[in-house]
Amino acid sequence: MLKKLLLIEDDVNLSRNIKKQLIFEGFAVDTAFDGVIGERLIQREKYDCLLFDINVPGMNGYELTQSVRKMKIITPIIIITSFNGINDKLNGFDAGADDYIKKATCRCRDEGEV
């Protein structure tokens, strides 16, 4: 059975490219373009991993991460963002993220990264 991922990214082209690569690597991928819709999907579906951009409409990635953790969902959360400052990373981990990847280096080439 394929591992199922949720990608929340508001850049349509980037979302499409990341999704295409993840499918090529053998994952099933759902996408959302804002945090509110992403939260609804998380409440309805079971995912093996959650991939969040920070700067998305509706509910940002930090808020969404906090919301997921408040729901007692322990699914790994990986933040994928262009924000790379130390405070950005600390905010992500403080919110409950399991990993933080800068977009420019995000290549998700093998299952070990997800």
PDB file of N, CA and C in Angstrom:
ATOM      1  N   MET A   1       0.841  -1.190   0.000  1.00  0.00           N
ATOM      2  CA  MET A   1       0.000   0.000   0.000  1.00  0.00           C
ATOM      3  C   MET A   1       0.885   1.252   0.000  1.00  0.00           C
ATOM      4  N   LEU A   2       0.529   2.231  -0.803  1.00  0.00           N
ATOM      5  CA  LEU A   2       1.289   3.468  -0.907  1.00  0.00           C
ATOM      6  C   LEU A   2       1.178   4.290   0.368  1.00  0.00           C
ATOM      7  N   LYS A   3       2.277   4.952   0.733  1.00  0.00           N
ATOM      8  CA  LYS A   3       2.216   5.903   1.830  1.00  0.00           C
ATOM      9  C   LYS A   3       1.505   7.138   1.320  1.00  0.00           C
ATOM     10  N   LYS A   4       0.593   7.663   2.159  1.00  0.00           N
ATOM     11  CA  LYS A   4      -0.236   8.786   1.757  1.00  0.00           C
ATOM     12  C   LYS A   4       0.255  10.068   2.428  1.00  0.00           C
ATOM     13  N   LEU A   5       0.502  11.095   1.602  1.00  0.00           N
ATOM     14  CA  LEU A   5       1.003  12.368   2.082  1.00  0.00           C
ATOM     15  C   LEU A   5       0.004  13.469   1.781  1.00  0.00           C
ATOM     16  N   LEU A   6       0.035  14.513   2.626  1.00  0.00           N
ATOM     17  CA  LEU A   6      -0.718  15.731   2.348  1.00  0.00           C
ATOM     18  C   LEU A   6       0.284  16.857   2.185  1.00  0.00           C
ATOM     19  N   LEU A   7       0.230  17.533   1.057  1.00  0.00           N
ATOM     20  CA  LEU A   7       1.081  18.679   0.762  1.00  0.00           C
ATOM     21  C   LEU A   7       0.223  19.933   0.780  1.00  0.00           C
ATOM     22  N   ILE A   8       0.611  20.900   1.609  1.00  0.00           N
ATOM     23  CA  ILE A   8      -0.077  22.185   1.638  1.00  0.00           C
ATOM     24  C   ILE A   8       0.907  23.242   1.155  1.00  0.00           C
ATOM     25  N   GLU A   9       0.640  23.740  -0.036  1.00  0.00           N
ATOM     26  CA  GLU A   9       1.522  24.707  -0.712  1.00  0.00           C
ATOM     27  C   GLU A   9       0.649  25.594  -1.582  1.00  0.00           C
ATOM     28  N   ASP A  10       0.744  26.917  -1.419  1.00  0.00           N
ATOM     29  CA  ASP A  10      -0.130  27.816  -2.170  1.00  0.00           C
ATOM     30  C   ASP A  10       0.393  28.189  -3.547  1.00  0.00           C
ATOM     31  N   ASP A  11       1.647  27.914  -3.836  1.00  0.00           N
ATOM     32  CA  ASP A  11       2.193  28.152  -5.175  1.00  0.00           C
ATOM     33  C   ASP A  11       1.789  26.964  -6.050  1.00  0.00           C
ATOM     34  N   VAL A  12       0.869  27.199  -6.972  1.00  0.00           N
ATOM     35  CA  VAL A  12       0.277  26.124  -7.776  1.00  0.00           C
ATOM     36  C   VAL A  12       1.344  25.350  -8.550  1.00  0.00           C
ATOM     37  N   ASN A  13       2.261  26.058  -9.183  1.00  0.00           N
ATOM     38  CA  ASN A  13       3.290  25.377  -9.979  1.00  0.00           C
ATOM     39  C   ASN A  13       4.225  24.556  -9.097  1.00  0.00           C
ATOM     40  N   LEU A  14       4.655  25.131  -7.991  1.00  0.00           N
ATOM     41  CA  LEU A  14       5.531  24.402  -7.082  1.00  0.00           C
ATOM     42  C   LEU A  14       4.813  23.192  -6.496  1.00  0.00           C
ATOM     43  N   SER A  15       3.563  23.373  -6.117  1.00  0.00           N
ATOM     44  CA  SER A  15       2.773  22.256  -5.587  1.00  0.00           C
ATOM     45  C   SER A  15       2.682  21.128  -6.610  1.00  0.00           C
ATOM     46  N   ARG A  16       2.408  21.483  -7.839  1.00  0.00           N
ATOM     47  CA  ARG A  16       2.299  20.496  -8.916  1.00  0.00           C
ATOM     48  C   ARG A  16       3.621  19.743  -9.101  1.00  0.00           C
ATOM     49  N   ASN A  17       4.733  20.489  -9.077  1.00  0.00           N
ATOM     50  CA  ASN A  17       6.042  19.862  -9.270  1.00  0.00           C
ATOM     51  C   ASN A  17       6.426  18.940  -8.116  1.00  0.00           C
ATOM     52  N   ILE A  18       6.178  19.391  -6.893  1.00  0.00           N
ATOM     53  CA  ILE A  18       6.483  18.543  -5.730  1.00  0.00           C
ATOM     54  C   ILE A  18       5.606  17.300  -5.756  1.00  0.00           C
ATOM     55  N   LYS A  19       4.317  17.483  -6.040  1.00  0.00           N
ATOM     56  CA  LYS A  19       3.398  16.342  -6.094  1.00  0.00           C
ATOM     57  C   LYS A  19       3.840  15.343  -7.162  1.00  0.00           C
ATOM     58  N   LYS A  20       4.199  15.851  -8.327  1.00  0.00           N
ATOM     59  CA  LYS A  20       4.642  14.984  -9.424  1.00  0.00           C
ATOM     60  C   LYS A  20       5.854  14.161  -9.002  1.00  0.00           C
ATOM     61  N   GLN A  21       6.819  14.797  -8.349  1.00  0.00           N
ATOM     62  CA  GLN A  21       8.022  14.093  -7.901  1.00  0.00           C
ATOM     63  C   GLN A  21       7.686  13.039  -6.841  1.00  0.00           C
ATOM     64  N   LEU A  22       6.822  13.399  -5.901  1.00  0.00           N
ATOM     65  CA  LEU A  22       6.453  12.446  -4.849  1.00  0.00           C
ATOM     66  C   LEU A  22       5.700  11.244  -5.415  1.00  0.00           C
ATOM     67  N   ILE A  23       4.824  11.479  -6.369  1.00  0.00           N
ATOM     68  CA  ILE A  23       4.114  10.370  -7.022  1.00  0.00           C
ATOM     69  C   ILE A  23       5.112   9.483  -7.756  1.00  0.00           C
ATOM     70  N   PHE A  24       6.065  10.103  -8.442  1.00  0.00           N
ATOM     71  CA  PHE A  24       7.108   9.352  -9.135  1.00  0.00           C
ATOM     72  C   PHE A  24       7.887   8.476  -8.147  1.00  0.00           C
ATOM     73  N   GLU A  25       8.077   8.975  -6.939  1.00  0.00           N
ATOM     74  CA  GLU A  25       8.800   8.227  -5.903  1.00  0.00           C
ATOM     75  C   GLU A  25       7.933   7.151  -5.249  1.00  0.00           C
ATOM     76  N   GLY A  26       6.656   7.105  -5.613  1.00  0.00           N
ATOM     77  CA  GLY A  26       5.803   6.030  -5.128  1.00  0.00           C
ATOM     78  C   GLY A  26       4.831   6.385  -4.023  1.00  0.00           C
ATOM     79  N   PHE A  27       4.597   7.677  -3.804  1.00  0.00           N
ATOM     80  CA  PHE A  27       3.666   8.109  -2.765  1.00  0.00           C
ATOM     81  C   PHE A  27       2.312   8.463  -3.369  1.00  0.00           C
ATOM     82  N   ALA A  28       1.269   8.333  -2.573  1.00  0.00           N
ATOM     83  CA  ALA A  28      -0.039   8.893  -2.904  1.00  0.00           C
ATOM     84  C   ALA A  28      -0.060  10.286  -2.278  1.00  0.00           C
ATOM     85  N   VAL A  29      -0.504  11.303  -3.030  1.00  0.00           N
ATOM     86  CA  VAL A  29      -0.394  12.676  -2.550  1.00  0.00           C
ATOM     87  C   VAL A  29      -1.708  13.418  -2.738  1.00  0.00           C
ATOM     88  N   ASP A  30      -2.202  14.002  -1.642  1.00  0.00           N
ATOM     89  CA  ASP A  30      -3.300  14.957  -1.695  1.00  0.00           C
ATOM     90  C   ASP A  30      -2.688  16.341  -1.551  1.00  0.00           C
ATOM     91  N   THR A  31      -3.335  17.350  -2.131  1.00  0.00           N
ATOM     92  CA  THR A  31      -2.824  18.709  -2.017  1.00  0.00           C
ATOM     93  C   THR A  31      -3.929  19.656  -1.563  1.00  0.00           C
ATOM     94  N   ALA A  32      -3.505  20.724  -0.910  1.00  0.00           N
ATOM     95  CA  ALA A  32      -4.383  21.835  -0.553  1.00  0.00           C
ATOM     96  C   ALA A  32      -3.576  23.104  -0.744  1.00  0.00           C
ATOM     97  N   PHE A  33      -4.278  24.185  -1.046  1.00  0.00           N
ATOM     98  CA  PHE A  33      -3.602  25.451  -1.307  1.00  0.00           C
ATOM     99  C   PHE A  33      -3.766  26.449  -0.175  1.00  0.00           C
ATOM    100  N   ASP A  34      -4.480  26.082   0.888  1.00  0.00           N
ATOM    101  CA  ASP A  34      -4.540  26.925   2.079  1.00  0.00           C
ATOM    102  C   ASP A  34      -4.694  26.047   3.324  1.00  0.00           C
ATOM    103  N   GLY A  35      -4.363  26.641   4.462  1.00  0.00           N
ATOM    104  CA  GLY A  35      -4.337  25.887   5.708  1.00  0.00           C
ATOM    105  C   GLY A  35      -5.691  25.411   6.193  1.00  0.00           C
ATOM    106  N   VAL A  36      -6.734  26.173   5.947  1.00  0.00           N
ATOM    107  CA  VAL A  36      -8.070  25.780   6.415  1.00  0.00           C
ATOM    108  C   VAL A  36      -8.538  24.516   5.705  1.00  0.00           C
ATOM    109  N   ILE A  37      -8.366  24.489   4.393  1.00  0.00           N
ATOM    110  CA  ILE A  37      -8.745  23.286   3.646  1.00  0.00           C
ATOM    111  C   ILE A  37      -7.860  22.117   4.060  1.00  0.00           C
ATOM    112  N   GLY A  38      -6.581  22.397   4.268  1.00  0.00           N
ATOM    113  CA  GLY A  38      -5.672  21.357   4.743  1.00  0.00           C
ATOM    114  C   GLY A  38      -6.127  20.769   6.068  1.00  0.00           C
ATOM    115  N   GLU A  39      -6.549  21.617   6.981  1.00  0.00           N
ATOM    116  CA  GLU A  39      -7.027  21.146   8.284  1.00  0.00           C
ATOM    117  C   GLU A  39      -8.253  20.241   8.119  1.00  0.00           C
ATOM    118  N   ARG A  40      -9.152  20.605   7.230  1.00  0.00           N
ATOM    119  CA  ARG A  40     -10.339  19.776   6.978  1.00  0.00           C
ATOM    120  C   ARG A  40      -9.944  18.403   6.432  1.00  0.00           C
ATOM    121  N   LEU A  41      -8.983  18.382   5.513  1.00  0.00           N
ATOM    122  CA  LEU A  41      -8.521  17.101   4.979  1.00  0.00           C
ATOM    123  C   LEU A  41      -7.900  16.237   6.076  1.00  0.00           C
ATOM    124  N   ILE A  42      -7.121  16.853   6.944  1.00  0.00           N
ATOM    125  CA  ILE A  42      -6.477  16.121   8.036  1.00  0.00           C
ATOM    126  C   ILE A  42      -7.520  15.524   8.976  1.00  0.00           C
ATOM    127  N   GLN A  43      -8.614  16.230   9.180  1.00  0.00           N
ATOM    128  CA  GLN A  43      -9.681  15.728  10.048  1.00  0.00           C
ATOM    129  C   GLN A  43     -10.426  14.554   9.407  1.00  0.00           C
ATOM    130  N   ARG A  44     -10.471  14.500   8.079  1.00  0.00           N
ATOM    131  CA  ARG A  44     -11.223  13.461   7.364  1.00  0.00           C
ATOM    132  C   ARG A  44     -10.391  12.262   6.960  1.00  0.00           C
ATOM    133  N   GLU A  45      -9.118  12.479   6.668  1.00  0.00           N
ATOM    134  CA  GLU A  45      -8.264  11.438   6.100  1.00  0.00           C
ATOM    135  C   GLU A  45      -7.134  11.076   7.058  1.00  0.00           C
ATOM    136  N   LYS A  46      -6.575   9.893   6.848  1.00  0.00           N
ATOM    137  CA  LYS A  46      -5.389   9.492   7.600  1.00  0.00           C
ATOM    138  C   LYS A  46      -4.195   9.600   6.661  1.00  0.00           C
ATOM    139  N   TYR A  47      -3.169  10.320   7.112  1.00  0.00           N
ATOM    140  CA  TYR A  47      -1.959  10.512   6.316  1.00  0.00           C
ATOM    141  C   TYR A  47      -0.761   9.922   7.040  1.00  0.00           C
ATOM    142  N   ASP A  48       0.225   9.500   6.257  1.00  0.00           N
ATOM    143  CA  ASP A  48       1.472   8.990   6.817  1.00  0.00           C
ATOM    144  C   ASP A  48       2.469  10.107   7.088  1.00  0.00           C
ATOM    145  N   CYS A  49       2.306  11.236   6.397  1.00  0.00           N
ATOM    146  CA  CYS A  49       3.190  12.379   6.593  1.00  0.00           C
ATOM    147  C   CYS A  49       2.474  13.629   6.091  1.00  0.00           C
ATOM    148  N   LEU A  50       2.732  14.755   6.765  1.00  0.00           N
ATOM    149  CA  LEU A  50       2.146  16.039   6.400  1.00  0.00           C
ATOM    150  C   LEU A  50       3.272  16.989   6.014  1.00  0.00           C
ATOM    151  N   LEU A  51       3.136  17.652   4.867  1.00  0.00           N
ATOM    152  CA  LEU A  51       4.135  18.586   4.359  1.00  0.00           C
ATOM    153  C   LEU A  51       3.498  19.968   4.259  1.00  0.00           C
ATOM    154  N   PHE A  52       3.985  20.917   5.064  1.00  0.00           N
ATOM    155  CA  PHE A  52       3.360  22.244   5.118  1.00  0.00           C
ATOM    156  C   PHE A  52       4.329  23.339   4.694  1.00  0.00           C
ATOM    157  N   ASP A  53       3.863  24.226   3.818  1.00  0.00           N
ATOM    158  CA  ASP A  53       4.527  25.503   3.605  1.00  0.00           C
ATOM    159  C   ASP A  53       4.081  26.396   4.769  1.00  0.00           C
ATOM    160  N   ILE A  54       4.866  27.409   5.092  1.00  0.00           N
ATOM    161  CA  ILE A  54       4.497  28.318   6.176  1.00  0.00           C
ATOM    162  C   ILE A  54       3.545  29.396   5.695  1.00  0.00           C
ATOM    163  N   ASN A  55       3.887  30.038   4.601  1.00  0.00           N
ATOM    164  CA  ASN A  55       3.155  31.217   4.150  1.00  0.00           C
ATOM    165  C   ASN A  55       2.024  30.827   3.204  1.00  0.00           C
ATOM    166  N   VAL A  56       0.959  30.264   3.785  1.00  0.00           N
ATOM    167  CA  VAL A  56      -0.220  29.892   3.007  1.00  0.00           C
ATOM    168  C   VAL A  56      -1.430  30.650   3.555  1.00  0.00           C
ATOM    169  N   PRO A  57      -2.434  30.903   2.724  1.00  0.00           N
ATOM    170  CA  PRO A  57      -3.613  31.641   3.193  1.00  0.00           C
ATOM    171  C   PRO A  57      -4.468  30.828   4.154  1.00  0.00           C
ATOM    172  N   GLY A  58      -5.350  31.534   4.834  1.00  0.00           N
ATOM    173  CA  GLY A  58      -6.333  30.899   5.711  1.00  0.00           C
ATOM    174  C   GLY A  58      -5.792  30.597   7.091  1.00  0.00           C
ATOM    175  N   MET A  59      -4.817  29.757   7.158  1.00  0.00           N
ATOM    176  CA  MET A  59      -4.150  29.374   8.403  1.00  0.00           C
ATOM    177  C   MET A  59      -2.715  29.045   8.016  1.00  0.00           C
ATOM    178  N   ASN A  60      -1.752  29.768   8.575  1.00  0.00           N
ATOM    179  CA  ASN A  60      -0.383  29.520   8.142  1.00  0.00           C
ATOM    180  C   ASN A  60       0.137  28.180   8.657  1.00  0.00           C
ATOM    181  N   GLY A  61       1.283  27.784   8.159  1.00  0.00           N
ATOM    182  CA  GLY A  61       1.832  26.472   8.497  1.00  0.00           C
ATOM    183  C   GLY A  61       2.118  26.282   9.977  1.00  0.00           C
ATOM    184  N   TYR A  62       2.552  27.352  10.668  1.00  0.00           N
ATOM    185  CA  TYR A  62       2.780  27.252  12.105  1.00  0.00           C
ATOM    186  C   TYR A  62       1.466  26.986  12.834  1.00  0.00           C
ATOM    187  N   GLU A  63       0.434  27.776  12.487  1.00  0.00           N
ATOM    188  CA  GLU A  63      -0.879  27.618  13.120  1.00  0.00           C
ATOM    189  C   GLU A  63      -1.465  26.233  12.832  1.00  0.00           C
ATOM    190  N   LEU A  64      -1.310  25.784  11.606  1.00  0.00           N
ATOM    191  CA  LEU A  64      -1.823  24.469  11.239  1.00  0.00           C
ATOM    192  C   LEU A  64      -1.103  23.370  12.011  1.00  0.00           C
ATOM    193  N   THR A  65       0.203  23.496  12.142  1.00  0.00           N
ATOM    194  CA  THR A  65       0.968  22.515  12.912  1.00  0.00           C
ATOM    195  C   THR A  65       0.473  22.465  14.353  1.00  0.00           C
ATOM    196  N   GLN A  66       0.275  23.632  14.957  1.00  0.00           N
ATOM    197  CA  GLN A  66      -0.247  23.686  16.331  1.00  0.00           C
ATOM    198  C   GLN A  66      -1.631  23.049  16.415  1.00  0.00           C
ATOM    199  N   SER A  67      -2.479  23.341  15.438  1.00  0.00           N
ATOM    200  CA  SER A  67      -3.832  22.778  15.424  1.00  0.00           C
ATOM    201  C   SER A  67      -3.803  21.254  15.331  1.00  0.00           C
ATOM    202  N   VAL A  68      -2.954  20.730  14.460  1.00  0.00           N
ATOM    203  CA  VAL A  68      -2.833  19.281  14.301  1.00  0.00           C
ATOM    204  C   VAL A  68      -2.398  18.643  15.620  1.00  0.00           C
ATOM    205  N   ARG A  69      -1.424  19.250  16.267  1.00  0.00           N
ATOM    206  CA  ARG A  69      -0.933  18.697  17.532  1.00  0.00           C
ATOM    207  C   ARG A  69      -1.988  18.795  18.634  1.00  0.00           C
ATOM    208  N   LYS A  70      -2.800  19.853  18.630  1.00  0.00           N
ATOM    209  CA  LYS A  70      -3.880  19.978  19.609  1.00  0.00           C
ATOM    210  C   LYS A  70      -4.948  18.902  19.398  1.00  0.00           C
ATOM    211  N   MET A  71      -5.078  18.422  18.149  1.00  0.00           N
ATOM    212  CA  MET A  71      -6.018  17.335  17.852  1.00  0.00           C
ATOM    213  C   MET A  71      -5.436  15.979  18.252  1.00  0.00           C
ATOM    214  N   LYS A  72      -4.234  15.986  18.825  1.00  0.00           N
ATOM    215  CA  LYS A  72      -3.536  14.764  19.268  1.00  0.00           C
ATOM    216  C   LYS A  72      -3.158  13.853  18.100  1.00  0.00           C
ATOM    217  N   ILE A  73      -2.981  14.447  16.933  1.00  0.00           N
ATOM    218  CA  ILE A  73      -2.525  13.700  15.765  1.00  0.00           C
ATOM    219  C   ILE A  73      -1.001  13.682  15.806  1.00  0.00           C
ATOM    220  N   ILE A  74      -0.424  12.486  15.749  1.00  0.00           N
ATOM    221  CA  ILE A  74       1.034  12.359  15.878  1.00  0.00           C
ATOM    222  C   ILE A  74       1.740  12.118  14.540  1.00  0.00           C
ATOM    223  N   THR A  75       1.017  12.234  13.459  1.00  0.00           N
ATOM    224  CA  THR A  75       1.597  12.086  12.122  1.00  0.00           C
ATOM    225  C   THR A  75       2.785  13.041  11.979  1.00  0.00           C
ATOM    226  N   PRO A  76       3.901  12.574  11.425  1.00  0.00           N
ATOM    227  CA  PRO A  76       5.045  13.473  11.231  1.00  0.00           C
ATOM    228  C   PRO A  76       4.681  14.670  10.357  1.00  0.00           C
ATOM    229  N   ILE A  77       5.173  15.833  10.771  1.00  0.00           N
ATOM    230  CA  ILE A  77       4.969  17.078  10.028  1.00  0.00           C
ATOM    231  C   ILE A  77       6.329  17.597   9.596  1.00  0.00           C
ATOM    232  N   ILE A  78       6.461  17.830   8.288  1.00  0.00           N
ATOM    233  CA  ILE A  78       7.671  18.416   7.735  1.00  0.00           C
ATOM    234  C   ILE A  78       7.295  19.773   7.158  1.00  0.00           C
ATOM    235  N   ILE A  79       7.958  20.808   7.632  1.00  0.00           N
ATOM    236  CA  ILE A  79       7.736  22.142   7.095  1.00  0.00           C
ATOM    237  C   ILE A  79       8.688  22.326   5.921  1.00  0.00           C
ATOM    238  N   ILE A  80       8.113  22.724   4.778  1.00  0.00           N
ATOM    239  CA  ILE A  80       8.888  22.994   3.573  1.00  0.00           C
ATOM    240  C   ILE A  80       8.652  24.458   3.228  1.00  0.00           C
ATOM    241  N   THR A  81       9.685  25.286   3.384  1.00  0.00           N
ATOM    242  CA  THR A  81       9.487  26.718   3.243  1.00  0.00           C
ATOM    243  C   THR A  81      10.743  27.421   2.756  1.00  0.00           C
ATOM    244  N   SER A  82      10.561  28.645   2.286  1.00  0.00           N
ATOM    245  CA  SER A  82      11.711  29.463   1.906  1.00  0.00           C
ATOM    246  C   SER A  82      12.231  30.244   3.108  1.00  0.00           C
ATOM    247  N   PHE A  83      11.466  30.270   4.203  1.00  0.00           N
ATOM    248  CA  PHE A  83      11.935  30.928   5.427  1.00  0.00           C
ATOM    249  C   PHE A  83      13.032  30.071   6.042  1.00  0.00           C
ATOM    250  N   ASN A  84      14.212  30.635   6.219  1.00  0.00           N
ATOM    251  CA  ASN A  84      15.330  29.827   6.678  1.00  0.00           C
ATOM    252  C   ASN A  84      16.065  30.410   7.884  1.00  0.00           C
ATOM    253  N   GLY A  85      15.493  31.427   8.507  1.00  0.00           N
ATOM    254  CA  GLY A  85      16.129  32.005   9.687  1.00  0.00           C
ATOM    255  C   GLY A  85      16.015  31.068  10.884  1.00  0.00           C
ATOM    256  N   ILE A  86      16.908  31.231  11.837  1.00  0.00           N
ATOM    257  CA  ILE A  86      16.891  30.381  13.027  1.00  0.00           C
ATOM    258  C   ILE A  86      15.569  30.511  13.788  1.00  0.00           C
ATOM    259  N   ASN A  87      15.015  31.732  13.848  1.00  0.00           N
ATOM    260  CA  ASN A  87      13.731  31.916  14.538  1.00  0.00           C
ATOM    261  C   ASN A  87      12.597  31.211  13.802  1.00  0.00           C
ATOM    262  N   ASP A  88      12.671  31.203  12.470  1.00  0.00           N
ATOM    263  CA  ASP A  88      11.659  30.491  11.688  1.00  0.00           C
ATOM    264  C   ASP A  88      11.690  29.005  12.014  1.00  0.00           C
ATOM    265  N   LYS A  89      12.898  28.453  12.059  1.00  0.00           N
ATOM    266  CA  LYS A  89      13.038  27.029  12.385  1.00  0.00           C
ATOM    267  C   LYS A  89      12.560  26.744  13.795  1.00  0.00           C
ATOM    268  N   LEU A  90      12.961  27.588  14.742  1.00  0.00           N
ATOM    269  CA  LEU A  90      12.527  27.388  16.133  1.00  0.00           C
ATOM    270  C   LEU A  90      11.013  27.476  16.253  1.00  0.00           C
ATOM    271  N   ASN A  91      10.407  28.426  15.536  1.00  0.00           N
ATOM    272  CA  ASN A  91       8.941  28.536  15.558  1.00  0.00           C
ATOM    273  C   ASN A  91       8.290  27.269  15.027  1.00  0.00           C
ATOM    274  N   GLY A  92       8.872  26.703  13.970  1.00  0.00           N
ATOM    275  CA  GLY A  92       8.330  25.466  13.414  1.00  0.00           C
ATOM    276  C   GLY A  92       8.420  24.312  14.395  1.00  0.00           C
ATOM    277  N   PHE A  93       9.579  24.142  15.007  1.00  0.00           N
ATOM    278  CA  PHE A  93       9.743  23.053  15.975  1.00  0.00           C
ATOM    279  C   PHE A  93       8.907  23.295  17.226  1.00  0.00           C
ATOM    280  N   ASP A  94       8.822  24.557  17.677  1.00  0.00           N
ATOM    281  CA  ASP A  94       7.993  24.878  18.845  1.00  0.00           C
ATOM    282  C   ASP A  94       6.519  24.592  18.576  1.00  0.00           C
ATOM    283  N   ALA A  95       6.100  24.772  17.328  1.00  0.00           N
ATOM    284  CA  ALA A  95       4.697  24.508  16.962  1.00  0.00           C
ATOM    285  C   ALA A  95       4.398  23.013  16.932  1.00  0.00           C
ATOM    286  N   GLY A  96       5.456  22.180  16.810  1.00  0.00           N
ATOM    287  CA  GLY A  96       5.241  20.736  16.805  1.00  0.00           C
ATOM    288  C   GLY A  96       5.739  20.021  15.571  1.00  0.00           C
ATOM    289  N   ALA A  97       6.447  20.734  14.684  1.00  0.00           N
ATOM    290  CA  ALA A  97       6.970  20.091  13.472  1.00  0.00           C
ATOM    291  C   ALA A  97       8.077  19.104  13.827  1.00  0.00           C
ATOM    292  N   ASP A  98       8.203  18.082  12.999  1.00  0.00           N
ATOM    293  CA  ASP A  98       9.244  17.070  13.185  1.00  0.00           C
ATOM    294  C   ASP A  98      10.497  17.355  12.380  1.00  0.00           C
ATOM    295  N   ASP A  99      10.357  18.110  11.286  1.00  0.00           N
ATOM    296  CA  ASP A  99      11.511  18.454  10.471  1.00  0.00           C
ATOM    297  C   ASP A  99      11.206  19.756   9.742  1.00  0.00           C
ATOM    298  N   TYR A 100      12.252  20.376   9.232  1.00  0.00           N
ATOM    299  CA  TYR A 100      12.143  21.691   8.597  1.00  0.00           C
ATOM    300  C   TYR A 100      13.107  21.689   7.421  1.00  0.00           C
ATOM    301  N   ILE A 101      12.582  21.834   6.203  1.00  0.00           N
ATOM    302  CA  ILE A 101      13.403  21.771   5.001  1.00  0.00           C
ATOM    303  C   ILE A 101      13.245  23.072   4.223  1.00  0.00           C
ATOM    304  N   LYS A 102      14.356  23.677   3.859  1.00  0.00           N
ATOM    305  CA  LYS A 102      14.318  24.872   3.028  1.00  0.00           C
ATOM    306  C   LYS A 102      13.965  24.468   1.595  1.00  0.00           C
ATOM    307  N   LYS A 103      13.045  25.179   0.986  1.00  0.00           N
ATOM    308  CA  LYS A 103      12.578  24.837  -0.362  1.00  0.00           C
ATOM    309  C   LYS A 103      13.696  24.700  -1.371  1.00  0.00           C
ATOM    310  N   ALA A 104      14.672  25.558  -1.328  1.00  0.00           N
ATOM    311  CA  ALA A 104      15.739  25.508  -2.327  1.00  0.00           C
ATOM    312  C   ALA A 104      16.515  24.194  -2.273  1.00  0.00           C
ATOM    313  N   THR A 105      16.475  23.491  -1.139  1.00  0.00           N
ATOM    314  CA  THR A 105      17.198  22.229  -1.020  1.00  0.00           C
ATOM    315  C   THR A 105      16.268  21.034  -0.944  1.00  0.00           C
ATOM    316  N   CYS A 106      14.974  21.264  -1.065  1.00  0.00           N
ATOM    317  CA  CYS A 106      14.003  20.167  -0.961  1.00  0.00           C
ATOM    318  C   CYS A 106      14.003  19.369  -2.249  1.00  0.00           C
ATOM    319  N   ARG A 107      14.473  18.121  -2.169  1.00  0.00           N
ATOM    320  CA  ARG A 107      14.516  17.274  -3.358  1.00  0.00           C
ATOM    321  C   ARG A 107      13.783  15.956  -3.171  1.00  0.00           C
ATOM    322  N   CYS A 108      13.401  15.611  -1.984  1.00  0.00           N
ATOM    323  CA  CYS A 108      12.605  14.412  -1.718  1.00  0.00           C
ATOM    324  C   CYS A 108      12.946  13.266  -2.672  1.00  0.00           C
ATOM    325  N   ARG A 109      14.206  12.937  -2.809  1.00  0.00           N
ATOM    326  CA  ARG A 109      14.639  11.935  -3.785  1.00  0.00           C
ATOM    327  C   ARG A 109      14.468  10.511  -3.324  1.00  0.00           C
ATOM    328  N   ASP A 110      14.398  10.291  -2.036  1.00  0.00           N
ATOM    329  CA  ASP A 110      14.168   8.919  -1.594  1.00  0.00           C
ATOM    330  C   ASP A 110      13.225   8.911  -0.410  1.00  0.00           C
ATOM    331  N   GLU A 111      12.663   7.777  -0.137  1.00  0.00           N
ATOM    332  CA  GLU A 111      11.678   7.663   0.919  1.00  0.00           C
ATOM    333  C   GLU A 111      12.233   8.038   2.272  1.00  0.00           C
ATOM    334  N   GLY A 112      13.539   7.934   2.456  1.00  0.00           N
ATOM    335  CA  GLY A 112      14.149   8.266   3.725  1.00  0.00           C
ATOM    336  C   GLY A 112      13.990   9.719   4.096  1.00  0.00           C
ATOM    337  N   GLU A 113      13.774  10.593   3.128  1.00  0.00           N
ATOM    338  CA  GLU A 113      13.604  12.011   3.418  1.00  0.00           C
ATOM    339  C   GLU A 113      12.184  12.341   3.829  1.00  0.00           C
ATOM    340  N   VAL A 114      11.241  11.486   3.532  1.00  0.00           N
ATOM    341  CA  VAL A 114       9.844  11.803   3.862  1.00  0.00           C
ATOM    342  C   VAL A 114       9.370  10.912   4.968  1.00  0.00           C
TER     343      VAL A 114
END
